[in-house]
Protein backbone atom coordinates (compact mmCIF):
# COMPACT_ATOMS: atom_id res chain seq x y z
CA UNK A 1 123.42 165.30 49.79
CA UNK A 2 121.30 163.85 52.30
CA UNK A 3 122.52 163.25 56.22
CA UNK A 4 123.42 159.95 56.97
CA UNK A 5 121.92 157.18 59.52
CA UNK A 6 123.47 154.50 61.26
CA UNK A 7 122.34 151.06 59.94
CA UNK A 8 122.98 149.29 63.40
CA UNK A 9 122.64 151.87 65.68
CA UNK A 10 125.64 150.73 67.86
CA UNK A 11 129.95 150.87 68.10
CA UNK A 12 129.90 147.33 65.72
CA UNK A 13 128.08 148.78 62.83
CA UNK A 14 130.21 149.27 60.03
CA UNK A 15 127.62 150.26 57.32
CA UNK A 16 125.71 153.87 57.29
CA UNK A 17 123.13 154.54 55.48
CA UNK A 18 122.94 157.85 53.36
CA UNK A 19 119.95 159.03 50.53
CA UNK A 20 121.63 159.73 47.19
CA UNK A 21 120.03 160.22 43.90
CA UNK A 22 121.10 157.06 41.55
CA UNK A 23 122.81 157.86 37.89
CA UNK A 24 121.99 154.59 36.15
CA UNK A 25 118.74 153.45 34.19
CA UNK A 26 116.90 150.72 34.05
CA UNK A 27 113.59 149.07 34.82
CA UNK A 28 115.16 147.49 38.09
CA UNK A 29 116.77 150.99 39.07
CA UNK A 30 114.12 154.02 38.06
CA UNK A 31 114.14 155.19 41.65
CA UNK A 32 113.65 158.58 42.51
CA UNK A 33 115.52 158.06 45.47
CA UNK A 34 117.74 155.00 46.64
CA UNK A 35 119.61 154.54 49.69
CA UNK A 36 123.82 153.42 49.69
CA UNK A 37 125.21 151.41 52.22
CA UNK A 38 128.52 152.10 53.07
CA UNK A 39 130.64 149.24 53.15
CA UNK A 40 134.43 150.85 52.92
CA UNK A 41 135.38 153.89 55.25
CA UNK A 42 138.35 156.31 54.27
CA UNK A 43 141.04 153.98 55.78
CA UNK A 44 139.99 150.84 53.48
CA UNK A 45 140.00 152.71 50.53
CA UNK A 46 143.46 154.22 50.98
CA UNK A 47 144.60 151.45 51.66
CA UNK A 48 143.14 149.24 48.49
CA UNK A 49 144.70 152.43 45.97
CA UNK A 50 147.95 152.04 47.95
CA UNK A 51 147.55 147.96 47.13
CA UNK A 52 146.04 148.53 43.63
CA UNK A 53 149.24 151.20 42.76
CA UNK A 54 151.79 148.80 44.13
CA UNK A 55 150.79 146.02 42.48
CA UNK A 56 150.34 147.40 39.18
CA UNK A 57 153.59 149.29 39.27
CA UNK A 58 155.39 146.03 40.10
CA UNK A 59 153.78 144.05 37.13
CA UNK A 60 154.95 146.38 35.06
CA UNK A 61 158.31 146.68 35.99
CA UNK A 62 158.78 143.04 37.18
CA UNK A 63 157.16 140.90 33.86
CA UNK A 64 159.52 142.75 31.84
CA UNK A 65 162.13 141.28 33.63
CA UNK A 66 161.20 137.43 34.24
CA UNK A 67 160.60 137.88 30.07
CA UNK A 68 163.52 139.88 29.36
CA UNK A 69 164.48 138.23 25.75
CA UNK A 70 160.84 139.54 24.75
CA UNK A 71 161.59 142.69 22.47
CA UNK A 72 158.47 144.23 23.93
CA UNK A 73 159.72 143.76 27.58
CA UNK A 74 163.47 145.13 26.41
CA UNK A 75 162.07 148.19 24.82
CA UNK A 76 159.93 148.96 27.98
CA UNK A 77 163.14 148.89 29.44
CA UNK A 78 164.70 151.24 27.78
CA UNK A 79 161.76 153.49 27.88
CA UNK A 80 161.66 153.78 31.55
CA UNK A 81 165.43 154.36 31.55
CA UNK A 82 167.41 151.17 31.81
CA UNK A 83 167.44 147.83 33.98
CA UNK A 84 168.68 149.80 37.13
CA UNK A 85 166.01 152.36 36.85
CA UNK A 86 163.30 149.41 36.65
CA UNK A 87 165.16 147.21 39.58
CA UNK A 88 164.73 150.57 41.45
CA UNK A 89 161.28 151.47 40.52
CA UNK A 90 160.14 147.45 41.44
CA UNK A 91 162.07 147.68 44.87
CA UNK A 92 159.92 150.78 45.64
CA UNK A 93 156.86 149.79 45.06
CA UNK A 94 157.26 146.55 46.56
CA UNK A 95 158.02 147.88 50.06
CA UNK A 96 154.98 150.30 49.43
CA UNK A 97 153.14 147.16 49.20
CA UNK A 98 154.62 145.62 52.23
CA UNK A 99 153.95 149.23 54.44
CA UNK A 100 150.38 149.21 53.07
CA UNK A 101 150.29 146.02 54.59
CA UNK A 102 151.56 147.20 58.03
CA UNK A 103 149.34 149.58 57.81
CA UNK A 104 146.19 147.43 57.14
CA UNK A 105 147.44 145.29 60.35
CA UNK A 106 147.60 148.72 62.55
CA UNK A 107 143.96 149.66 61.09
CA UNK A 108 142.90 146.27 62.40
CA UNK A 109 144.53 146.05 65.57
CA UNK A 110 142.95 149.76 66.41
CA UNK A 111 139.63 149.00 65.16
CA UNK A 112 139.38 145.77 67.08
CA UNK A 113 141.70 146.63 70.21
CA UNK A 114 141.14 150.18 70.79
CA UNK A 115 137.74 150.90 69.33
CA UNK A 116 136.08 147.62 70.03
CA UNK A 117 134.57 146.82 66.75
CA UNK A 118 134.24 143.58 65.73
CA UNK A 119 132.83 144.08 62.38
CA UNK A 120 136.43 142.92 60.76
CA UNK A 121 136.14 140.06 62.30
CA UNK A 122 133.46 138.76 59.93
CA UNK A 123 136.07 138.16 57.13
CA UNK A 124 137.36 135.32 59.06
CA UNK A 125 137.01 131.98 57.34
CA UNK A 126 133.42 130.19 58.84
CA UNK A 127 131.83 126.68 58.39
CA UNK A 128 128.86 128.70 56.69
CA UNK A 129 131.21 129.75 53.71
CA UNK A 130 131.64 125.95 52.48
CA UNK A 131 128.13 125.78 53.27
CA UNK A 132 127.86 128.80 50.76
CA UNK A 133 130.45 126.98 48.37
CA UNK A 134 128.79 123.60 48.19
CA UNK A 135 125.41 125.29 47.79
CA UNK A 136 126.39 127.44 44.88
CA UNK A 137 128.31 124.80 42.92
CA UNK A 138 124.88 122.93 43.71
CA UNK A 139 122.89 125.96 42.32
CA UNK A 140 124.91 126.36 39.15
CA UNK A 141 124.19 123.04 38.02
CA UNK A 142 120.93 122.92 38.24
CA UNK A 143 120.45 120.84 41.79
CA UNK A 144 119.64 123.68 44.73
CA UNK A 145 116.57 126.09 43.62
CA UNK A 146 117.99 128.70 45.27
CA UNK A 147 121.53 130.57 45.69
CA UNK A 148 123.03 131.23 49.18
CA UNK A 149 122.37 134.13 51.18
CA UNK A 150 125.17 136.06 51.58
CA UNK A 151 126.16 138.04 55.11
CA UNK A 152 128.63 141.46 54.69
CA UNK A 153 131.40 138.96 53.09
CA UNK A 154 130.95 136.50 50.55
CA UNK A 155 133.29 132.99 50.58
CA UNK A 156 135.03 134.82 47.18
CA UNK A 157 135.23 138.09 49.06
CA UNK A 158 137.08 136.12 51.75
CA UNK A 159 139.07 134.16 49.81
CA UNK A 160 140.18 137.39 47.86
CA UNK A 161 141.22 138.96 51.04
CA UNK A 162 143.12 136.02 52.17
CA UNK A 163 144.80 135.45 49.26
CA UNK A 164 146.59 139.06 49.43
CA UNK A 165 148.28 138.14 53.29
CA UNK A 166 149.42 134.90 51.34
CA UNK A 167 150.57 136.85 48.52
CA UNK A 168 152.52 139.07 50.75
CA UNK A 169 154.19 136.23 52.65
CA UNK A 170 155.18 134.60 49.46
CA UNK A 171 156.36 137.01 47.05
CA UNK A 172 156.69 140.03 49.74
CA UNK A 173 159.17 137.42 52.09
CA UNK A 174 161.02 136.09 48.47
CA UNK A 175 161.14 139.54 47.74
CA UNK A 176 163.11 140.76 50.56
CA UNK A 177 165.48 137.95 50.30
CA UNK A 178 166.05 139.10 47.26
CA UNK A 179 167.15 142.72 47.70
CA UNK A 180 169.35 141.37 50.66
CA UNK A 181 170.93 138.11 49.61
CA UNK A 182 174.14 138.94 51.99
CA UNK A 183 171.81 138.96 54.95
CA UNK A 184 169.57 136.31 54.23
CA UNK A 185 172.57 133.74 53.50
CA UNK A 186 173.88 134.44 57.01
CA UNK A 187 170.38 133.33 58.73
CA UNK A 188 169.46 130.26 56.21
CA UNK A 189 171.24 128.16 53.43
CA UNK A 190 172.55 129.09 50.32
CA UNK A 191 169.91 127.38 48.60
CA UNK A 192 167.43 130.08 49.82
CA UNK A 193 168.38 132.61 46.84
CA UNK A 194 167.22 130.55 43.82
CA UNK A 195 164.36 129.03 45.86
CA UNK A 196 163.35 132.76 46.58
CA UNK A 197 163.92 133.38 42.83
CA UNK A 198 161.46 130.69 41.76
CA UNK A 199 158.94 131.19 44.20
CA UNK A 200 158.96 134.80 43.68
CA UNK A 201 158.92 134.69 39.81
CA UNK A 202 156.00 132.00 39.84
CA UNK A 203 153.93 133.64 42.51
CA UNK A 204 154.20 136.81 40.38
CA UNK A 205 152.56 135.35 37.53
CA UNK A 206 149.87 133.44 39.64
CA UNK A 207 148.84 136.79 41.53
CA UNK A 208 148.42 138.64 37.89
CA UNK A 209 146.48 136.26 36.22
CA UNK A 210 144.42 135.64 38.97
CA UNK A 211 144.01 139.55 39.50
CA UNK A 212 142.95 139.86 35.56
CA UNK A 213 141.47 136.69 35.28
CA UNK A 214 138.90 136.05 38.27
CA UNK A 215 139.14 139.68 40.30
CA UNK A 216 138.59 141.63 37.54
CA UNK A 217 135.66 139.97 36.59
CA UNK A 218 133.85 139.77 39.77
CA UNK A 219 134.41 143.00 40.31
CA UNK A 220 133.85 144.93 37.25
CA UNK A 221 132.94 142.97 34.64
CA UNK A 222 129.86 141.10 36.03
CA UNK A 223 126.90 141.87 33.76
CA UNK A 224 125.44 143.91 36.43
CA UNK A 225 128.30 146.07 37.51
CA UNK A 226 129.93 146.38 34.04
CA UNK A 227 131.82 148.25 32.95
CA UNK A 228 132.97 149.63 36.79
CA UNK A 229 131.96 148.87 40.17
CA UNK A 230 132.80 152.06 41.94
CA UNK A 231 132.02 150.92 45.32
CA UNK A 232 135.95 149.93 46.81
CA UNK A 233 136.36 154.03 45.64
CA UNK A 234 133.68 156.01 46.82
CA UNK A 235 133.15 152.85 50.01
CA UNK A 236 128.73 152.79 48.86
CA UNK A 237 127.40 150.19 47.32
CA UNK A 238 123.93 150.82 46.34
CA UNK A 239 121.00 149.36 48.25
CA UNK A 240 119.26 147.43 45.84
CA UNK A 241 122.65 145.29 45.22
CA UNK A 242 123.64 145.16 48.78
CA UNK A 243 119.80 143.39 49.19
CA UNK A 244 120.79 141.05 46.11
CA UNK A 245 124.36 140.49 46.87
CA UNK A 246 124.65 140.58 50.81
CA UNK A 247 120.91 139.60 51.63
CA UNK A 248 121.62 138.78 55.36
CA UNK A 249 123.83 142.32 55.87
CA UNK A 250 120.59 143.85 54.63
CA UNK A 251 117.95 141.96 56.41
CA UNK A 252 120.11 143.47 59.79
CA UNK A 253 119.77 146.66 58.30
CA UNK A 254 116.23 147.07 57.19
CA UNK A 255 115.41 145.17 61.12
CA UNK A 256 116.34 148.45 62.66
CA UNK A 257 112.70 150.11 60.50
CA UNK A 258 115.04 153.51 59.39
CA UNK A 259 114.89 152.73 55.72
CA UNK A 260 112.53 151.05 53.03
CA UNK A 261 113.01 147.82 51.61
CA UNK A 262 114.18 148.85 47.98
CA UNK A 263 111.44 148.22 45.23
CA UNK A 264 114.20 147.08 43.00
CA UNK A 265 114.51 143.95 44.53
CA UNK A 266 111.11 143.30 45.34
CA UNK A 267 110.99 143.68 41.08
CA UNK A 268 110.09 139.95 39.77
CA UNK A 269 111.94 140.47 36.47
CA UNK A 270 115.18 142.23 37.97
CA UNK A 271 115.25 138.93 40.24
CA UNK A 272 114.77 136.73 37.63
CA UNK A 273 117.50 138.46 35.30
CA UNK A 274 119.81 138.77 38.05
CA UNK A 275 119.46 135.23 38.28
CA UNK A 276 120.62 134.52 34.88
CA UNK A 277 123.49 136.35 34.43
CA UNK A 278 124.95 134.50 37.89
CA UNK A 279 124.78 131.44 36.43
CA UNK A 280 126.69 132.77 33.33
CA UNK A 281 129.07 134.31 34.62
CA UNK A 282 129.48 131.12 37.56
CA UNK A 283 130.27 128.93 34.42
CA UNK A 284 132.68 131.75 33.05
CA UNK A 285 134.57 132.16 35.74
CA UNK A 286 134.70 128.98 36.65
CA UNK A 287 136.28 128.09 33.58
CA UNK A 288 138.22 131.20 33.21
CA UNK A 289 139.97 130.03 36.50
CA UNK A 290 140.14 126.62 36.18
CA UNK A 291 142.22 126.96 32.78
CA UNK A 292 144.47 129.75 34.54
CA UNK A 293 144.90 127.24 37.61
CA UNK A 294 146.15 124.58 35.25
CA UNK A 295 148.68 126.89 33.71
CA UNK A 296 149.64 127.95 36.47
CA UNK A 297 150.09 124.63 38.08
CA UNK A 298 151.86 123.34 34.69
CA UNK A 299 154.42 126.15 35.14
CA UNK A 300 155.08 125.86 38.55
CA UNK A 301 155.55 122.49 38.51
CA UNK A 302 157.99 122.88 35.47
CA UNK A 303 160.01 125.55 37.09
CA UNK A 304 160.01 123.14 40.54
CA UNK A 305 160.93 120.13 38.27
CA UNK A 306 163.67 122.10 36.42
CA UNK A 307 165.18 124.04 39.98
CA UNK A 308 165.50 120.43 41.46
CA UNK A 309 167.52 119.23 38.59
CA UNK A 310 169.95 121.70 38.67
CA UNK A 311 170.14 121.51 42.27
CA UNK A 312 170.86 117.80 42.36
CA UNK A 313 173.08 118.11 39.67
CA UNK A 314 175.12 120.45 41.47
CA UNK A 315 175.48 118.44 44.33
CA UNK A 316 176.44 115.53 42.55
CA UNK A 317 179.45 117.19 40.95
CA UNK A 318 180.20 119.01 44.39
């Protein structure tokens, strides 16, 4: 692999550009050599691997406990060695996820506070994200003629990122209460235990549904990346994809004059075909996300009403 060159030429730069040989085929990607933009460093890739693996283990050991009446759940628990073993695995994976979150916060503190690199701050929500969302919706319904131009992170990527923090607070916090109920009830009212059980259980269903339906589709199952997008594992994104999906970032890279604009981006048929796929993806994504949100909201409201009725009945008896 050839030498790497910095795309921005400053400490604040997060991307580098390298020469590599593409392994795909097709008129839009038929280049002898293609630049690749490095989007994730080794720490970010390791953090994702830890988050992904712990999330999968938590789902595989938590869902059978939630739906313990199913024969499949009972078979899976017996296969793993019994309920106590499943609980031990589940709690260990939860602690690994919390440790990974601490690792990420320490990484951010070092990058911003010590190295003085402001790149991670681009993940902060901005008014432009709301404008991009509105323009994207208008584009999907045929009112706007162009899609919004995204910078390094789009509004959907930012939502995915901050949703993890929400999930860690809700699922991780309630999980710690369930692991240490005696300590929790010394500091908080006793009602916190059933509340934590509802939050932990239903928020986990919401997280699994979002990952399987929305995140997996947008990241791996979209037509132009199917069947797999390796960027989070290799750290690289092909230049033509960066120019199409993050044009503002790509303009900064091109402005350095160190690499040519990829031919795939200027290919008229490729751009037109990408727009068609984008529109189809949006329709499918919004439809599936809406269905999942309705199902989760219905389940949450049902569980909350059931819990409240039990709480009221207990208070009346007492």
